[in-house]
Amino acid sequence: MPLYVVPLIAGLLPIVAVGLSYVIASSLDVIPSCIPFVHGCTSISATGRYPPTSFLFRATMLPESVLLLVYWLLSVAWLRSLGREARLAATGGIWIGWLGTGASLALVLYVTFLGTHEPFYEFMRRFGIYLYFLFTIVAQIVLALSLLRLPLVGVLRRLVRVQLGLALLPFALGALNTTLKATLADPDPVENVIEWNVALLMQLYIVLSWIGWRHTGFAAEFRLRQKN
């Protein structure tokens, strides 16, 4: 069974769901209408905070957390399979597994408390989304660096280098966000722009995994044995 459909779905599902939620919410005047990647008129959370888009947001993001968990565990298996083929030790697998699991659980925490306004719930929502971003980005960097230690050639090596660039760019954007928050009178639009673009970079990284898994023929085989 080919496994490359997992990163394809896990990568595209949030892009489609958040984009659709934004279109619906802005058309109902629940949130401002703009190009959020450029103008930052609203946050990603706002697209799924109020009905009816809150139902769509939760209905897609909770399954997405499961898909992400599967994606990261399969990424560890893919890394180790490439290491065995090259007769080299594939490092980073344990860290990738733990970070990916943490990111998936943090996403569940974030979605669970989204739309609540009590101070404790607001803290849990922010705590969840910050951990989700941090764990995901670090896991992506560790995976890319672990792959680059293997003797990859051609398309696959170029692909992993692009993924590493996508995973490192959020740190530069985060540093820029910290600087602007300390200097701007109203830093919220800039913070929203950075949030939208960082989230897109994270999802594009996962979509590129689909190309890598397909290029290497990553698949699973199931066998049934009948006992006598």
C-alpha atoms as a PDB file:
ATOM      1  CA  MET A   1       0.000   0.000   0.000  1.00  0.00           C
ATOM      2  CA  PRO A   2       1.552   3.353  -0.994  1.00  0.00           C
ATOM      3  CA  LEU A   3       2.000   5.641   1.991  1.00  0.00           C
ATOM      4  CA  TYR A   4       2.737   8.898   0.188  1.00  0.00           C
ATOM      5  CA  VAL A   5      -0.939   9.901   0.347  1.00  0.00           C
ATOM      6  CA  VAL A   6      -0.512  10.558   4.093  1.00  0.00           C
ATOM      7  CA  PRO A   7       1.710  13.686   3.794  1.00  0.00           C
ATOM      8  CA  LEU A   8      -0.318  14.870   0.808  1.00  0.00           C
ATOM      9  CA  ILE A   9      -3.556  14.858   2.813  1.00  0.00           C
ATOM     10  CA  ALA A  10      -1.921  16.047   6.051  1.00  0.00           C
ATOM     11  CA  GLY A  11      -0.262  18.912   4.196  1.00  0.00           C
ATOM     12  CA  LEU A  12      -3.211  20.110   2.133  1.00  0.00           C
ATOM     13  CA  LEU A  13      -6.108  19.559   4.558  1.00  0.00           C
ATOM     14  CA  PRO A  14      -5.343  22.537   6.856  1.00  0.00           C
ATOM     15  CA  ILE A  15      -4.648  24.825   3.893  1.00  0.00           C
ATOM     16  CA  VAL A  16      -8.018  24.013   2.356  1.00  0.00           C
ATOM     17  CA  ALA A  17      -9.908  24.044   5.679  1.00  0.00           C
ATOM     18  CA  VAL A  18      -8.481  27.338   6.950  1.00  0.00           C
ATOM     19  CA  GLY A  19      -8.854  28.958   3.524  1.00  0.00           C
ATOM     20  CA  LEU A  20     -12.480  27.880   3.287  1.00  0.00           C
ATOM     21  CA  SER A  21     -13.158  28.969   6.876  1.00  0.00           C
ATOM     22  CA  TYR A  22     -11.687  32.387   6.123  1.00  0.00           C
ATOM     23  CA  VAL A  23     -13.776  32.834   2.969  1.00  0.00           C
ATOM     24  CA  ILE A  24     -16.988  31.886   4.771  1.00  0.00           C
ATOM     25  CA  ALA A  25     -16.279  33.978   7.888  1.00  0.00           C
ATOM     26  CA  SER A  26     -15.267  37.071   5.904  1.00  0.00           C
ATOM     27  CA  SER A  27     -18.284  36.762   3.600  1.00  0.00           C
ATOM     28  CA  LEU A  28     -20.508  36.765   6.709  1.00  0.00           C
ATOM     29  CA  ASP A  29     -18.617  39.814   8.082  1.00  0.00           C
ATOM     30  CA  VAL A  30     -17.551  37.805  11.117  1.00  0.00           C
ATOM     31  CA  ILE A  31     -13.919  38.757  10.423  1.00  0.00           C
ATOM     32  CA  PRO A  32     -12.369  41.487   8.219  1.00  0.00           C
ATOM     33  CA  SER A  33     -11.825  40.828   4.535  1.00  0.00           C
ATOM     34  CA  CYS A  34      -8.280  41.150   3.179  1.00  0.00           C
ATOM     35  CA  ILE A  35      -5.319  39.073   1.988  1.00  0.00           C
ATOM     36  CA  PRO A  36      -4.177  37.780   5.408  1.00  0.00           C
ATOM     37  CA  PHE A  37      -0.764  36.657   4.136  1.00  0.00           C
ATOM     38  CA  VAL A  38      -0.043  40.288   3.222  1.00  0.00           C
ATOM     39  CA  HIS A  39      -2.297  42.524   5.308  1.00  0.00           C
ATOM     40  CA  GLY A  40      -2.741  40.492   8.486  1.00  0.00           C
ATOM     41  CA  CYS A  41      -6.222  41.810   9.182  1.00  0.00           C
ATOM     42  CA  THR A  42      -7.072  38.710  11.219  1.00  0.00           C
ATOM     43  CA  SER A  43      -5.427  35.692  12.818  1.00  0.00           C
ATOM     44  CA  ILE A  44      -5.775  32.057  11.832  1.00  0.00           C
ATOM     45  CA  SER A  45      -7.587  31.358  15.104  1.00  0.00           C
ATOM     46  CA  ALA A  46     -10.228  33.964  14.290  1.00  0.00           C
ATOM     47  CA  THR A  47     -11.257  32.049  11.158  1.00  0.00           C
ATOM     48  CA  GLY A  48     -12.440  29.152  13.314  1.00  0.00           C
ATOM     49  CA  ARG A  49     -13.530  30.924  16.460  1.00  0.00           C
ATOM     50  CA  TYR A  50     -17.180  31.652  15.689  1.00  0.00           C
ATOM     51  CA  PRO A  51     -20.022  29.613  14.165  1.00  0.00           C
ATOM     52  CA  PRO A  52     -20.533  28.384  11.519  1.00  0.00           C
ATOM     53  CA  THR A  53     -16.840  28.143  10.618  1.00  0.00           C
ATOM     54  CA  SER A  54     -15.929  26.916  14.101  1.00  0.00           C
ATOM     55  CA  PHE A  55     -17.657  23.612  13.276  1.00  0.00           C
ATOM     56  CA  LEU A  56     -15.677  23.230  10.052  1.00  0.00           C
ATOM     57  CA  PHE A  57     -12.448  24.203  11.785  1.00  0.00           C
ATOM     58  CA  ARG A  58     -12.787  21.632  14.552  1.00  0.00           C
ATOM     59  CA  ALA A  59     -14.105  18.945  12.206  1.00  0.00           C
ATOM     60  CA  THR A  60     -10.918  19.168  10.129  1.00  0.00           C
ATOM     61  CA  MET A  61      -8.251  20.071  12.681  1.00  0.00           C
ATOM     62  CA  LEU A  62      -8.976  17.243  15.101  1.00  0.00           C
ATOM     63  CA  PRO A  63      -8.582  14.567  12.373  1.00  0.00           C
ATOM     64  CA  GLU A  64      -5.549  16.535  11.183  1.00  0.00           C
ATOM     65  CA  SER A  65      -3.883  15.976  14.557  1.00  0.00           C
ATOM     66  CA  VAL A  66      -4.251  12.212  14.045  1.00  0.00           C
ATOM     67  CA  LEU A  67      -2.937  12.469  10.492  1.00  0.00           C
ATOM     68  CA  LEU A  68       0.066  14.423  11.737  1.00  0.00           C
ATOM     69  CA  LEU A  69       0.829  11.786  14.341  1.00  0.00           C
ATOM     70  CA  VAL A  70       0.728   9.113  11.628  1.00  0.00           C
ATOM     71  CA  TYR A  71       2.856  11.302   9.352  1.00  0.00           C
ATOM     72  CA  TRP A  72       5.604  11.753  11.943  1.00  0.00           C
ATOM     73  CA  LEU A  73       5.719   8.088  12.929  1.00  0.00           C
ATOM     74  CA  LEU A  74       5.912   7.112   9.258  1.00  0.00           C
ATOM     75  CA  SER A  75       8.627   9.743   8.750  1.00  0.00           C
ATOM     76  CA  VAL A  76      10.713   7.946  11.346  1.00  0.00           C
ATOM     77  CA  ALA A  77      10.143   4.640   9.520  1.00  0.00           C
ATOM     78  CA  TRP A  78      11.035   6.247   6.172  1.00  0.00           C
ATOM     79  CA  LEU A  79      14.224   7.761   7.586  1.00  0.00           C
ATOM     80  CA  ARG A  80      15.310   4.447   9.070  1.00  0.00           C
ATOM     81  CA  SER A  81      14.506   2.558   5.866  1.00  0.00           C
ATOM     82  CA  LEU A  82      16.699   4.942   3.871  1.00  0.00           C
ATOM     83  CA  GLY A  83      19.449   4.517   6.454  1.00  0.00           C
ATOM     84  CA  ARG A  84      19.277   0.730   6.186  1.00  0.00           C
ATOM     85  CA  GLU A  85      19.412   0.896   2.387  1.00  0.00           C
ATOM     86  CA  ALA A  86      22.527   3.069   2.619  1.00  0.00           C
ATOM     87  CA  ARG A  87      23.905   0.833   5.422  1.00  0.00           C
ATOM     88  CA  LEU A  88      24.193   3.886   7.656  1.00  0.00           C
ATOM     89  CA  ALA A  89      22.653   4.701  11.014  1.00  0.00           C
ATOM     90  CA  ALA A  90      19.613   6.952  10.521  1.00  0.00           C
ATOM     91  CA  THR A  91      19.872   9.377  13.432  1.00  0.00           C
ATOM     92  CA  GLY A  92      17.201  11.621  14.871  1.00  0.00           C
ATOM     93  CA  GLY A  93      14.369   9.104  14.763  1.00  0.00           C
ATOM     94  CA  ILE A  94      13.610   9.178  18.477  1.00  0.00           C
ATOM     95  CA  TRP A  95      13.563  12.976  18.612  1.00  0.00           C
ATOM     96  CA  ILE A  96      11.363  13.191  15.535  1.00  0.00           C
ATOM     97  CA  GLY A  97       8.888  10.739  17.026  1.00  0.00           C
ATOM     98  CA  TRP A  98       8.637  12.559  20.361  1.00  0.00           C
ATOM     99  CA  LEU A  99       8.469  16.036  18.827  1.00  0.00           C
ATOM    100  CA  GLY A 100       5.879  14.947  16.275  1.00  0.00           C
ATOM    101  CA  THR A 101       3.753  13.331  18.969  1.00  0.00           C
ATOM    102  CA  GLY A 102       4.023  16.475  21.099  1.00  0.00           C
ATOM    103  CA  ALA A 103       2.994  18.650  18.160  1.00  0.00           C
ATOM    104  CA  SER A 104      -0.058  16.480  17.481  1.00  0.00           C
ATOM    105  CA  LEU A 105      -1.183  16.618  21.127  1.00  0.00           C
ATOM    106  CA  ALA A 106      -0.571  20.380  21.253  1.00  0.00           C
ATOM    107  CA  LEU A 107      -2.830  20.819  18.214  1.00  0.00           C
ATOM    108  CA  VAL A 108      -5.594  18.915  20.017  1.00  0.00           C
ATOM    109  CA  LEU A 109      -5.121  21.181  23.049  1.00  0.00           C
ATOM    110  CA  TYR A 110      -5.330  24.292  20.878  1.00  0.00           C
ATOM    111  CA  VAL A 111      -8.467  23.199  19.016  1.00  0.00           C
ATOM    112  CA  THR A 112     -10.173  22.079  22.229  1.00  0.00           C
ATOM    113  CA  PHE A 113      -9.908  25.506  23.867  1.00  0.00           C
ATOM    114  CA  LEU A 114     -10.381  27.596  20.711  1.00  0.00           C
ATOM    115  CA  GLY A 115     -13.217  30.089  21.085  1.00  0.00           C
ATOM    116  CA  THR A 116     -13.221  30.121  24.893  1.00  0.00           C
ATOM    117  CA  HIS A 117     -12.655  33.419  26.701  1.00  0.00           C
ATOM    118  CA  GLU A 118     -11.925  32.477  30.295  1.00  0.00           C
ATOM    119  CA  PRO A 119      -8.328  33.455  31.240  1.00  0.00           C
ATOM    120  CA  PHE A 120      -7.272  29.874  31.966  1.00  0.00           C
ATOM    121  CA  TYR A 121      -8.766  28.577  28.714  1.00  0.00           C
ATOM    122  CA  GLU A 122      -7.168  31.433  26.794  1.00  0.00           C
ATOM    123  CA  PHE A 123      -3.802  30.479  28.313  1.00  0.00           C
ATOM    124  CA  MET A 124      -4.283  26.828  27.352  1.00  0.00           C
ATOM    125  CA  ARG A 125      -5.154  27.801  23.771  1.00  0.00           C
ATOM    126  CA  ARG A 126      -2.058  29.965  23.403  1.00  0.00           C
ATOM    127  CA  PHE A 127       0.083  27.342  25.137  1.00  0.00           C
ATOM    128  CA  GLY A 128      -1.185  24.708  22.697  1.00  0.00           C
ATOM    129  CA  ILE A 129      -0.580  26.719  19.532  1.00  0.00           C
ATOM    130  CA  TYR A 130       2.897  27.868  20.596  1.00  0.00           C
ATOM    131  CA  LEU A 131       3.943  24.296  21.385  1.00  0.00           C
ATOM    132  CA  TYR A 132       2.427  23.075  18.124  1.00  0.00           C
ATOM    133  CA  PHE A 133       4.443  25.539  16.064  1.00  0.00           C
ATOM    134  CA  LEU A 134       7.650  24.980  18.048  1.00  0.00           C
ATOM    135  CA  PHE A 135       7.532  21.165  18.099  1.00  0.00           C
ATOM    136  CA  THR A 136       6.559  20.945  14.418  1.00  0.00           C
ATOM    137  CA  ILE A 137       9.315  23.260  13.200  1.00  0.00           C
ATOM    138  CA  VAL A 138      12.015  21.601  15.319  1.00  0.00           C
ATOM    139  CA  ALA A 139      10.876  18.136  14.176  1.00  0.00           C
ATOM    140  CA  GLN A 140      11.035  19.303  10.557  1.00  0.00           C
ATOM    141  CA  ILE A 141      14.576  20.605  11.026  1.00  0.00           C
ATOM    142  CA  VAL A 142      15.741  17.402  12.735  1.00  0.00           C
ATOM    143  CA  LEU A 143      14.206  15.275   9.970  1.00  0.00           C
ATOM    144  CA  ALA A 144      15.806  17.328   7.189  1.00  0.00           C
ATOM    145  CA  LEU A 145      19.241  17.336   8.865  1.00  0.00           C
ATOM    146  CA  SER A 146      19.014  13.581   9.503  1.00  0.00           C
ATOM    147  CA  LEU A 147      18.181  12.977   5.831  1.00  0.00           C
ATOM    148  CA  LEU A 148      21.055  15.156   4.663  1.00  0.00           C
ATOM    149  CA  ARG A 149      23.467  12.945   6.626  1.00  0.00           C
ATOM    150  CA  LEU A 150      22.512  10.114   4.284  1.00  0.00           C
ATOM    151  CA  PRO A 151      24.078   9.817   0.810  1.00  0.00           C
ATOM    152  CA  LEU A 152      21.032  11.149  -1.002  1.00  0.00           C
ATOM    153  CA  VAL A 153      21.498  12.224  -4.594  1.00  0.00           C
ATOM    154  CA  GLY A 154      19.627  14.053  -7.329  1.00  0.00           C
ATOM    155  CA  VAL A 155      16.037  15.139  -6.852  1.00  0.00           C
ATOM    156  CA  LEU A 156      15.712  13.769  -3.335  1.00  0.00           C
ATOM    157  CA  ARG A 157      18.699  15.680  -1.979  1.00  0.00           C
ATOM    158  CA  ARG A 158      17.545  18.939  -3.572  1.00  0.00           C
ATOM    159  CA  LEU A 159      14.074  18.338  -2.158  1.00  0.00           C
ATOM    160  CA  VAL A 160      15.386  17.874   1.389  1.00  0.00           C
ATOM    161  CA  ARG A 161      17.456  21.063   1.104  1.00  0.00           C
ATOM    162  CA  VAL A 162      14.321  22.983   0.141  1.00  0.00           C
ATOM    163  CA  GLN A 163      12.520  21.466   3.130  1.00  0.00           C
ATOM    164  CA  LEU A 164      15.348  22.532   5.437  1.00  0.00           C
ATOM    165  CA  GLY A 165      15.062  26.074   4.122  1.00  0.00           C
ATOM    166  CA  LEU A 166      11.306  26.046   4.718  1.00  0.00           C
ATOM    167  CA  ALA A 167      11.854  24.853   8.297  1.00  0.00           C
ATOM    168  CA  LEU A 168      14.574  27.408   9.097  1.00  0.00           C
ATOM    169  CA  LEU A 169      12.743  30.427   7.692  1.00  0.00           C
ATOM    170  CA  PRO A 170      10.190  30.580  10.566  1.00  0.00           C
ATOM    171  CA  PHE A 171      13.018  31.258  13.028  1.00  0.00           C
ATOM    172  CA  ALA A 172      14.041  34.325  11.021  1.00  0.00           C
ATOM    173  CA  LEU A 173      10.408  35.435  10.872  1.00  0.00           C
ATOM    174  CA  GLY A 174      10.073  34.845  14.616  1.00  0.00           C
ATOM    175  CA  ALA A 175      13.080  37.050  15.326  1.00  0.00           C
ATOM    176  CA  LEU A 176      11.592  39.730  13.073  1.00  0.00           C
ATOM    177  CA  ASN A 177       8.280  39.442  14.904  1.00  0.00           C
ATOM    178  CA  THR A 178       9.975  39.925  18.281  1.00  0.00           C
ATOM    179  CA  THR A 179      11.736  43.052  17.032  1.00  0.00           C
ATOM    180  CA  LEU A 180       8.617  44.568  15.479  1.00  0.00           C
ATOM    181  CA  LYS A 181       6.477  43.856  18.554  1.00  0.00           C
ATOM    182  CA  ALA A 182       8.934  45.920  20.592  1.00  0.00           C
ATOM    183  CA  THR A 183       8.928  48.852  18.173  1.00  0.00           C
ATOM    184  CA  LEU A 184       5.476  49.102  16.578  1.00  0.00           C
ATOM    185  CA  ALA A 185       2.517  50.776  18.249  1.00  0.00           C
ATOM    186  CA  ASP A 186       0.162  48.113  16.831  1.00  0.00           C
ATOM    187  CA  PRO A 187       2.120  44.915  16.141  1.00  0.00           C
ATOM    188  CA  ASP A 188      -0.951  42.684  15.707  1.00  0.00           C
ATOM    189  CA  PRO A 189      -1.206  42.925  11.868  1.00  0.00           C
ATOM    190  CA  VAL A 190       2.480  42.065  11.440  1.00  0.00           C
ATOM    191  CA  GLU A 191       2.192  39.199  13.909  1.00  0.00           C
ATOM    192  CA  ASN A 192      -0.817  37.887  11.970  1.00  0.00           C
ATOM    193  CA  VAL A 193       1.080  38.093   8.669  1.00  0.00           C
ATOM    194  CA  ILE A 194       3.975  36.139  10.144  1.00  0.00           C
ATOM    195  CA  GLU A 195       1.601  33.565  11.656  1.00  0.00           C
ATOM    196  CA  TRP A 196      -0.144  32.947   8.334  1.00  0.00           C
ATOM    197  CA  ASN A 197       3.111  32.603   6.417  1.00  0.00           C
ATOM    198  CA  VAL A 198       4.825  30.385   8.991  1.00  0.00           C
ATOM    199  CA  ALA A 199       1.816  28.060   9.020  1.00  0.00           C
ATOM    200  CA  LEU A 200       1.922  27.883   5.219  1.00  0.00           C
ATOM    201  CA  LEU A 201       5.654  27.074   5.251  1.00  0.00           C
ATOM    202  CA  MET A 202       5.042  24.249   7.715  1.00  0.00           C
ATOM    203  CA  GLN A 203       2.339  22.738   5.540  1.00  0.00           C
ATOM    204  CA  LEU A 204       4.392  23.062   2.345  1.00  0.00           C
ATOM    205  CA  TYR A 205       7.177  21.100   4.063  1.00  0.00           C
ATOM    206  CA  ILE A 206       4.739  18.243   4.661  1.00  0.00           C
ATOM    207  CA  VAL A 207       3.456  18.360   1.068  1.00  0.00           C
ATOM    208  CA  LEU A 208       7.046  18.068  -0.183  1.00  0.00           C
ATOM    209  CA  SER A 209       7.381  14.892   1.894  1.00  0.00           C
ATOM    210  CA  TRP A 210       4.759  13.430  -0.423  1.00  0.00           C
ATOM    211  CA  ILE A 211       7.166  13.906  -3.344  1.00  0.00           C
ATOM    212  CA  GLY A 212      10.053  12.336  -1.420  1.00  0.00           C
ATOM    213  CA  TRP A 213       8.049   9.324  -0.273  1.00  0.00           C
ATOM    214  CA  ARG A 214       6.686   8.780  -3.771  1.00  0.00           C
ATOM    215  CA  HIS A 215      10.148   9.153  -5.314  1.00  0.00           C
ATOM    216  CA  THR A 216      11.548   6.418  -3.056  1.00  0.00           C
ATOM    217  CA  GLY A 217       8.523   4.125  -3.408  1.00  0.00           C
ATOM    218  CA  PHE A 218       7.745   4.217   0.322  1.00  0.00           C
ATOM    219  CA  ALA A 219       4.975   1.664   0.906  1.00  0.00           C
ATOM    220  CA  ALA A 220       3.637  -0.762   3.488  1.00  0.00           C
ATOM    221  CA  GLU A 221       2.877  -4.423   3.041  1.00  0.00           C
ATOM    222  CA  PHE A 222       0.376  -6.387   5.125  1.00  0.00           C
ATOM    223  CA  ARG A 223       0.400 -10.159   5.379  1.00  0.00           C
ATOM    224  CA  LEU A 224      -2.009 -12.564   6.993  1.00  0.00           C
ATOM    225  CA  ARG A 225      -0.873 -15.946   8.251  1.00  0.00           C
ATOM    226  CA  GLN A 226      -3.356 -18.719   8.820  1.00  0.00           C
ATOM    227  CA  LYS A 227      -2.609 -20.832  11.862  1.00  0.00           C
ATOM    228  CA  ASN A 228      -3.009 -24.559  11.540  1.00  0.00           C
END
